[in-house]
Amino acid sequence: MRRTLSLTGAVAAAALLLAGCAGSSTPAEEPAGNGVGGGDPAADTELLGGNEAAAQLEELYAAAQEAGQTSVTIYGPGETDKAAMYEVFSARFPDITVEPVYILGPDLTAKLEAEFASGQHVGDIIQNGDAGIAGNLLADQLEPFTPVLAEQLDPVAYAEPSGAAWAATAATFGFAYNTSLLSPEEAPTTWEDLLDPSLKGKMTSDNMTRNGAGLGTLSHVLWDGRYGPDWLDEFAAQDIIFQASTPAAGTAVATGEFALQPAYPMAFYLRDRANGAPVEWTLPDEGVHLSPHYVSLLRNGPNPEAAKLLMSWLFTPEAQQAAAELGYYPLLPGEAGPDGLPPADELDLLEPLSLTDVLDIHSENLETVKVAFGEE
């Protein structure tokens, strides 16, 4: 079945403004009452994931207030997109604000190294992809903590064995295409469709032979085992033009320079669509690539109780659906996907990558991809 997103302006605006939260008649940015216990207790308990989870949140909120912790600083590559979600958090816990810092790659590594070397800690939480978090684990920068609701996660796909990292949501990747250049019937819906000769020279991406969204997608596809070296060789032969970044590739599709971006985040698509770009986006019918965004406490962070509160809240139904409104896939079982897509546990997902193996897998697949694209 084709899963094509075609948001109207009203729906796109609602997604960006988080005007409501699924499962509640109360607007998401204005939960009933202040804190955990305000308004209708039964409704709040449901939004917060049940009695045990609500009790954990209430305890952590009280501890943060008692310690005078009024803010949480969170580092990661998706933090600009998630700022609206944090407004929902601060509406529920009005004494605490979230400071999202967009930072990734070498810049993030250097910032953390400087903070740990100097002892001058600013960051409280990090939210990053699997390879990034695996590096933080190796550097001994994370503090184990287990939110009550995180225990529902698949322990192989979305958790680190010591409890140092848990994936609340995932970047949702699919095929973005220009509607002036491809009709819905012509647009690919499977990885095999990308090998269609009619698409040769019409695809663009960030550089798939360097660390980034494109390489992460190909590495996951190869790890799954359904699409092997022969598929990769045929895909590389499609004359894909690399751009400086994933957003740049999206712009090249939006302007009609290229017809298709085969590894495009849904969150980016929603933004393009809201800006009036002539683009559509499809989730593959099989072998769906979700890139988990692991969330972890940073060791020696200045606001540990407030950080634990935010981290715990990220796994609540309220937060999961706020993230879905922004195009990120909730990972808790049974939580509906973005724009009416099914829960993640109902998708035909690519084989998961465990945090203990991910760096070795990506390193091996990087060499394979370079060879396929003639880089070595």
Protein backbone atom coordinates (compact mmCIF):
# COMPACT_ATOMS: atom_id res chain seq x y z
CA MET A 1 0.00 0.00 0.00
CA ARG A 2 1.30 3.44 -0.90
CA ARG A 3 1.85 5.67 2.08
CA THR A 4 1.84 9.16 0.62
CA LEU A 5 1.65 12.31 2.73
CA SER A 6 -0.25 15.24 1.30
CA LEU A 7 -0.84 17.72 4.09
CA THR A 8 -3.23 20.57 3.62
CA GLY A 9 -2.10 23.99 4.74
CA ALA A 10 -4.27 23.74 7.84
CA VAL A 11 -2.83 20.40 8.89
CA ALA A 12 0.73 21.53 8.19
CA ALA A 13 0.18 24.63 10.28
CA ALA A 14 -1.22 22.51 13.09
CA ALA A 15 1.83 20.28 12.91
CA LEU A 16 4.18 23.20 13.21
CA LEU A 17 2.29 24.98 15.94
CA LEU A 18 1.38 21.86 17.93
CA ALA A 19 -2.15 23.14 18.30
CA GLY A 20 -3.29 19.88 19.82
CA CYS A 21 -2.09 16.58 21.19
CA ALA A 22 -3.64 13.29 20.15
CA GLY A 23 -5.61 11.61 22.90
CA SER A 24 -6.53 14.80 24.79
CA SER A 25 -9.29 17.36 24.41
CA THR A 26 -7.00 19.91 26.05
CA PRO A 27 -4.67 21.87 23.69
CA ALA A 28 -1.17 20.43 23.86
CA GLU A 29 0.48 23.69 24.76
CA GLU A 30 -1.98 24.29 27.60
CA PRO A 31 -2.45 21.07 29.61
CA ALA A 32 -5.13 21.33 32.25
CA GLY A 33 -3.75 22.91 35.40
CA ASN A 34 -0.11 23.23 36.37
CA GLY A 35 2.24 20.31 36.73
CA VAL A 36 1.33 16.65 36.89
CA GLY A 37 -1.77 16.77 39.05
CA GLY A 38 -3.70 19.75 37.65
CA GLY A 39 -7.03 19.57 35.85
CA ASP A 40 -8.69 16.20 35.32
CA PRO A 41 -6.41 13.67 37.09
CA ALA A 42 -7.66 10.76 34.98
CA ALA A 43 -6.99 12.58 31.71
CA ASP A 44 -3.57 13.74 32.87
CA THR A 45 -2.62 10.24 34.00
CA GLU A 46 -3.49 8.85 30.58
CA LEU A 47 -1.45 11.53 28.81
CA LEU A 48 1.48 10.83 31.12
CA GLY A 49 1.47 7.08 30.59
CA GLY A 50 -0.25 5.73 33.70
CA ASN A 51 -0.01 6.00 37.45
CA GLU A 52 3.58 4.83 37.85
CA ALA A 53 4.92 7.16 35.16
CA ALA A 54 2.88 10.10 36.48
CA ALA A 55 4.23 9.45 39.99
CA GLN A 56 7.81 9.45 38.69
CA LEU A 57 7.21 12.76 36.92
CA GLU A 58 5.62 14.32 39.98
CA GLU A 59 8.54 13.23 42.16
CA LEU A 60 11.13 14.53 39.71
CA TYR A 61 9.31 17.86 39.26
CA ALA A 62 9.24 18.37 43.03
CA ALA A 63 12.94 17.48 43.28
CA ALA A 64 13.85 19.93 40.51
CA GLN A 65 11.84 22.70 42.17
CA GLU A 66 13.42 22.01 45.54
CA ALA A 67 16.90 22.13 43.97
CA GLY A 68 16.10 25.42 42.21
CA GLN A 69 16.67 23.92 38.77
CA THR A 70 14.69 26.01 36.28
CA SER A 71 16.16 24.99 32.92
CA VAL A 72 17.51 22.03 30.97
CA THR A 73 20.05 22.29 28.16
CA ILE A 74 19.82 19.56 25.53
CA TYR A 75 22.34 19.03 22.72
CA GLY A 76 21.73 17.28 19.41
CA PRO A 77 21.23 17.45 15.64
CA GLY A 78 17.42 17.60 15.76
CA GLU A 79 16.94 20.16 18.49
CA THR A 80 15.86 23.05 16.29
CA ASP A 81 13.01 20.93 14.91
CA LYS A 82 11.94 19.84 18.39
CA ALA A 83 11.72 23.29 19.99
CA ALA A 84 7.93 23.33 19.64
CA MET A 85 7.70 20.00 21.45
CA TYR A 86 9.60 21.45 24.39
CA GLU A 87 7.00 24.19 24.66
CA VAL A 88 4.49 21.44 25.47
CA PHE A 89 6.80 20.25 28.26
CA SER A 90 7.18 23.73 29.73
CA ALA A 91 3.42 24.27 29.59
CA ARG A 92 2.96 21.19 31.75
CA PHE A 93 5.94 21.99 34.01
CA PRO A 94 5.90 25.80 34.00
CA ASP A 95 8.84 26.27 36.35
CA ILE A 96 11.25 24.65 33.89
CA THR A 97 12.30 25.80 30.43
CA VAL A 98 14.21 23.78 27.84
CA GLU A 99 17.22 25.20 26.03
CA PRO A 100 17.63 23.15 22.82
CA VAL A 101 21.05 23.50 21.18
CA TYR A 102 21.42 22.40 17.56
CA ILE A 103 24.88 20.86 17.32
CA LEU A 104 26.24 17.73 15.68
CA GLY A 105 29.26 15.84 14.42
CA PRO A 106 32.76 17.15 15.19
CA ASP A 107 31.35 20.35 16.75
CA LEU A 108 29.36 18.34 19.28
CA THR A 109 32.31 16.07 20.04
CA ALA A 110 34.60 19.06 20.59
CA LYS A 111 32.07 20.83 22.83
CA LEU A 112 31.62 17.82 25.08
CA GLU A 113 35.35 17.16 25.25
CA ALA A 114 35.90 20.77 26.34
CA GLU A 115 33.20 20.61 29.01
CA PHE A 116 34.52 17.35 30.46
CA ALA A 117 38.14 18.52 30.34
CA SER A 118 37.39 21.83 32.06
CA GLY A 119 34.72 20.60 34.46
CA GLN A 120 32.54 23.53 33.29
CA HIS A 121 29.43 21.58 32.33
CA VAL A 122 26.60 23.28 30.44
CA GLY A 123 24.79 20.41 28.77
CA ASP A 124 22.33 18.28 30.76
CA ILE A 125 21.06 15.91 28.07
CA ILE A 126 22.21 14.69 24.69
CA GLN A 127 19.82 13.41 22.01
CA ASN A 128 21.63 11.88 19.07
CA GLY A 129 21.69 9.12 16.48
CA ASP A 130 22.98 5.64 17.18
CA ALA A 131 26.57 6.17 16.01
CA GLY A 132 26.87 9.45 17.93
CA ILE A 133 25.56 7.96 21.16
CA ALA A 134 27.85 4.93 20.74
CA GLY A 135 30.76 7.40 20.66
CA ASN A 136 29.51 9.10 23.82
CA LEU A 137 29.35 5.71 25.52
CA LEU A 138 32.95 4.97 24.55
CA ALA A 139 33.98 8.38 25.95
CA ASP A 140 32.21 7.61 29.26
CA GLN A 141 30.13 10.78 29.06
CA LEU A 142 26.70 9.34 29.91
CA GLU A 143 24.93 8.76 33.22
CA PRO A 144 22.57 5.73 33.41
CA PHE A 145 18.94 6.54 34.17
CA THR A 146 15.75 4.59 33.40
CA PRO A 147 12.46 6.38 32.78
CA VAL A 148 9.55 4.15 33.80
CA LEU A 149 8.00 4.08 30.34
CA ALA A 150 11.29 3.40 28.56
CA GLU A 151 11.18 -0.15 29.91
CA GLN A 152 8.53 -0.89 27.26
CA LEU A 153 11.06 -0.41 24.44
CA ASP A 154 12.56 -3.19 22.35
CA PRO A 155 15.80 -3.80 24.29
CA VAL A 156 17.83 -4.58 21.16
CA ALA A 157 16.53 -1.90 18.83
CA TYR A 158 16.07 1.09 21.14
CA ALA A 159 17.97 0.62 24.40
CA GLU A 160 21.52 0.41 25.74
CA PRO A 161 22.06 -2.52 28.14
CA SER A 162 23.37 -0.46 31.08
CA GLY A 163 20.45 2.00 30.89
CA ALA A 164 22.63 4.88 29.70
CA ALA A 165 20.66 5.54 26.50
CA TRP A 166 17.05 5.08 25.40
CA ALA A 167 15.41 6.00 22.08
CA ALA A 168 12.16 7.92 22.55
CA THR A 169 11.63 8.79 18.88
CA ALA A 170 13.25 8.27 15.52
CA ALA A 171 13.96 10.36 12.47
CA THR A 172 11.58 9.06 9.82
CA PHE A 173 13.15 8.54 6.39
CA GLY A 174 11.36 8.14 3.07
CA PHE A 175 11.36 9.17 -0.57
CA ALA A 176 10.73 12.87 -1.30
CA TYR A 177 9.78 13.74 -4.86
CA ASN A 178 8.88 16.79 -6.93
CA THR A 179 5.25 16.59 -7.98
CA SER A 180 5.95 18.51 -11.19
CA LEU A 181 8.44 15.86 -12.28
CA LEU A 182 6.92 12.64 -10.92
CA SER A 183 3.30 11.62 -10.58
CA PRO A 184 2.14 9.56 -7.60
CA GLU A 185 2.04 6.54 -9.88
CA GLU A 186 5.65 7.11 -10.97
CA ALA A 187 7.02 7.76 -7.50
CA PRO A 188 8.92 4.86 -5.87
CA THR A 189 7.40 2.99 -2.95
CA THR A 190 10.08 0.30 -2.45
CA TRP A 191 13.87 0.14 -2.44
CA GLU A 192 13.70 -1.92 -5.63
CA ASP A 193 11.75 0.89 -7.30
CA LEU A 194 14.83 3.11 -6.94
CA LEU A 195 16.55 0.95 -9.56
CA ASP A 196 14.03 1.89 -12.25
CA PRO A 197 15.98 3.09 -15.33
CA SER A 198 13.60 6.06 -15.65
CA LEU A 199 15.10 7.52 -12.44
CA LYS A 200 18.70 7.46 -13.66
CA GLY A 201 20.26 10.90 -13.25
CA LYS A 202 17.15 12.23 -11.52
CA MET A 203 18.08 11.53 -7.88
CA THR A 204 20.05 13.63 -5.42
CA SER A 205 21.21 13.20 -1.82
CA ASP A 206 23.78 14.30 0.68
CA ASN A 207 27.09 12.56 0.01
CA MET A 208 26.39 8.88 0.62
CA THR A 209 30.11 8.07 0.85
CA ARG A 210 30.49 10.29 3.94
CA ASN A 211 28.89 10.08 7.37
CA GLY A 212 25.39 11.52 7.20
CA ALA A 213 21.75 10.73 6.49
CA GLY A 214 22.40 9.08 3.13
CA LEU A 215 25.15 6.79 4.35
CA GLY A 216 23.18 5.94 7.50
CA THR A 217 20.25 4.91 5.32
CA LEU A 218 22.34 2.76 2.99
CA SER A 219 24.17 1.16 5.91
CA HIS A 220 20.87 0.17 7.50
CA VAL A 221 19.54 -1.16 4.19
CA LEU A 222 22.66 -3.31 3.74
CA TRP A 223 22.55 -4.56 7.33
CA ASP A 224 18.97 -5.73 6.86
CA GLY A 225 20.09 -8.36 4.36
CA ARG A 226 17.16 -8.13 1.95
CA TYR A 227 19.08 -5.76 -0.31
CA GLY A 228 22.62 -6.90 -0.84
CA PRO A 229 25.71 -5.84 -2.83
CA ASP A 230 23.98 -6.34 -6.19
CA TRP A 231 21.22 -3.94 -5.19
CA LEU A 232 23.80 -1.40 -4.01
CA ASP A 233 25.78 -1.65 -7.26
CA GLU A 234 22.63 -1.02 -9.31
CA PHE A 235 21.61 1.85 -7.06
CA ALA A 236 25.06 3.48 -7.32
CA ALA A 237 24.85 3.17 -11.11
CA GLN A 238 21.78 5.45 -11.10
CA ASP A 239 24.07 8.52 -11.31
CA ILE A 240 22.94 10.07 -8.04
CA ILE A 241 24.19 13.63 -7.63
CA PHE A 242 25.51 14.47 -4.19
CA GLN A 243 24.81 17.79 -2.46
CA ALA A 244 26.62 19.44 0.43
CA SER A 245 23.92 18.45 2.93
CA THR A 246 20.54 16.80 3.29
CA PRO A 247 18.68 20.15 3.38
CA ALA A 248 20.53 21.19 0.21
CA ALA A 249 19.38 18.00 -1.50
CA GLY A 250 15.82 18.73 -0.40
CA THR A 251 16.07 22.20 -1.87
CA ALA A 252 17.29 20.75 -5.17
CA VAL A 253 14.17 18.58 -5.31
CA ALA A 254 11.85 21.41 -4.25
CA THR A 255 13.18 23.68 -7.01
CA GLY A 256 12.82 20.97 -9.66
CA GLU A 257 16.53 20.52 -10.31
CA PHE A 258 16.06 16.86 -9.40
CA ALA A 259 13.00 14.63 -9.18
CA LEU A 260 13.78 12.56 -6.10
CA GLN A 261 15.64 12.43 -2.78
CA PRO A 262 15.71 8.76 -1.66
CA ALA A 263 16.78 9.32 1.98
CA TYR A 264 14.84 12.36 3.18
CA PRO A 265 13.63 12.98 6.76
CA MET A 266 9.91 13.49 7.16
CA ALA A 267 10.53 16.45 9.50
CA PHE A 268 12.31 18.24 6.65
CA TYR A 269 9.50 17.37 4.25
CA LEU A 270 6.89 18.87 6.58
CA ARG A 271 8.85 22.10 6.68
CA ASP A 272 9.25 22.16 2.88
CA ARG A 273 5.57 21.43 2.43
CA ALA A 274 4.53 24.19 4.85
CA ASN A 275 6.64 26.59 2.81
CA GLY A 276 4.68 25.70 -0.32
CA ALA A 277 7.24 23.49 -2.05
CA PRO A 278 5.77 21.17 -4.74
CA VAL A 279 6.88 18.00 -3.00
CA GLU A 280 5.38 14.78 -1.70
CA TRP A 281 6.88 12.08 0.50
CA THR A 282 6.37 8.33 0.71
CA LEU A 283 7.27 5.81 3.37
CA PRO A 284 8.62 2.59 1.81
CA ASP A 285 6.13 -0.26 1.76
CA GLU A 286 8.78 -2.61 3.14
CA GLY A 287 12.10 -2.23 4.91
CA VAL A 288 11.31 1.08 6.63
CA HIS A 289 14.38 2.99 7.84
CA LEU A 290 13.84 4.69 11.19
CA SER A 291 16.94 6.28 12.69
CA PRO A 292 16.51 6.21 16.50
CA HIS A 293 17.24 9.39 18.41
CA TYR A 294 18.73 8.17 21.68
CA VAL A 295 18.37 10.39 24.71
CA SER A 296 20.83 10.28 27.60
CA LEU A 297 21.81 12.21 30.70
CA LEU A 298 25.24 13.80 30.46
CA ARG A 299 27.47 13.04 33.43
CA ASN A 300 27.89 15.98 35.82
CA GLY A 301 25.18 18.03 34.12
CA PRO A 302 24.23 21.14 36.14
CA ASN A 303 20.50 20.35 36.36
CA PRO A 304 20.21 16.59 36.96
CA GLU A 305 16.69 16.48 38.45
CA ALA A 306 15.20 18.72 35.76
CA ALA A 307 17.05 16.67 33.13
CA LYS A 308 15.60 13.42 34.48
CA LEU A 309 12.15 15.03 34.39
CA LEU A 310 12.48 16.02 30.73
CA MET A 311 13.98 12.67 29.77
CA SER A 312 11.13 10.81 31.51
CA TRP A 313 8.50 13.04 29.90
CA LEU A 314 9.83 12.28 26.40
CA PHE A 315 8.44 8.75 26.71
CA THR A 316 4.90 9.80 27.69
CA PRO A 317 2.01 9.61 25.21
CA GLU A 318 1.83 13.41 25.41
CA ALA A 319 5.44 13.81 24.26
CA GLN A 320 5.31 10.95 21.78
CA GLN A 321 2.41 12.53 19.90
CA ALA A 322 3.93 16.01 20.12
CA ALA A 323 6.99 14.55 18.39
CA ALA A 324 4.80 12.84 15.80
CA GLU A 325 3.25 16.21 14.91
CA LEU A 326 6.75 17.31 13.91
CA GLY A 327 7.43 14.26 11.73
CA TYR A 328 9.36 12.14 14.23
CA TYR A 329 8.26 8.56 14.77
CA PRO A 330 7.22 7.62 18.34
CA LEU A 331 8.92 4.39 19.40
CA LEU A 332 6.78 3.30 22.33
CA PRO A 333 4.58 0.32 21.34
CA GLY A 334 1.13 1.32 20.15
CA GLU A 335 1.86 5.04 19.71
CA ALA A 336 0.49 6.23 16.37
CA GLY A 337 2.98 7.40 13.77
CA PRO A 338 3.09 10.84 12.15
CA ASP A 339 0.08 11.95 10.11
CA GLY A 340 -1.94 8.82 10.64
CA LEU A 341 0.82 6.30 9.90
CA PRO A 342 0.68 3.10 11.99
CA PRO A 343 2.68 2.59 15.19
CA ALA A 344 6.34 1.74 14.68
CA ASP A 345 5.82 -1.76 16.04
CA GLU A 346 3.37 -2.42 13.19
CA LEU A 347 5.76 -1.40 10.38
CA ASP A 348 7.96 -3.68 8.30
CA LEU A 349 11.16 -2.20 9.70
CA LEU A 350 14.72 -2.82 8.60
CA GLU A 351 16.63 -5.11 10.96
CA PRO A 352 17.59 -3.07 14.06
CA LEU A 353 21.14 -1.98 14.79
CA SER A 354 22.27 -2.44 18.39
CA LEU A 355 24.37 0.27 20.02
CA THR A 356 27.05 -2.27 20.86
CA ASP A 357 27.60 -3.11 17.18
CA VAL A 358 26.63 0.02 15.29
CA LEU A 359 30.08 1.60 14.92
CA ASP A 360 31.59 -1.57 13.48
CA ILE A 361 28.62 -2.06 11.15
CA HIS A 362 28.75 1.51 9.83
CA SER A 363 32.52 1.35 9.39
CA GLU A 364 32.30 -1.84 7.34
CA ASN A 365 29.38 -0.57 5.27
CA LEU A 366 31.13 2.75 4.64
CA GLU A 367 33.89 0.91 2.81
CA THR A 368 31.33 -1.12 0.85
CA VAL A 369 29.46 2.03 -0.20
CA LYS A 370 32.66 3.82 -1.22
CA VAL A 371 33.60 0.94 -3.50
CA ALA A 372 30.12 0.86 -5.06
CA PHE A 373 30.24 4.59 -5.83
CA GLY A 374 33.82 4.39 -7.16
CA GLU A 375 35.42 6.26 -4.25
CA GLU A 376 38.00 3.49 -3.68
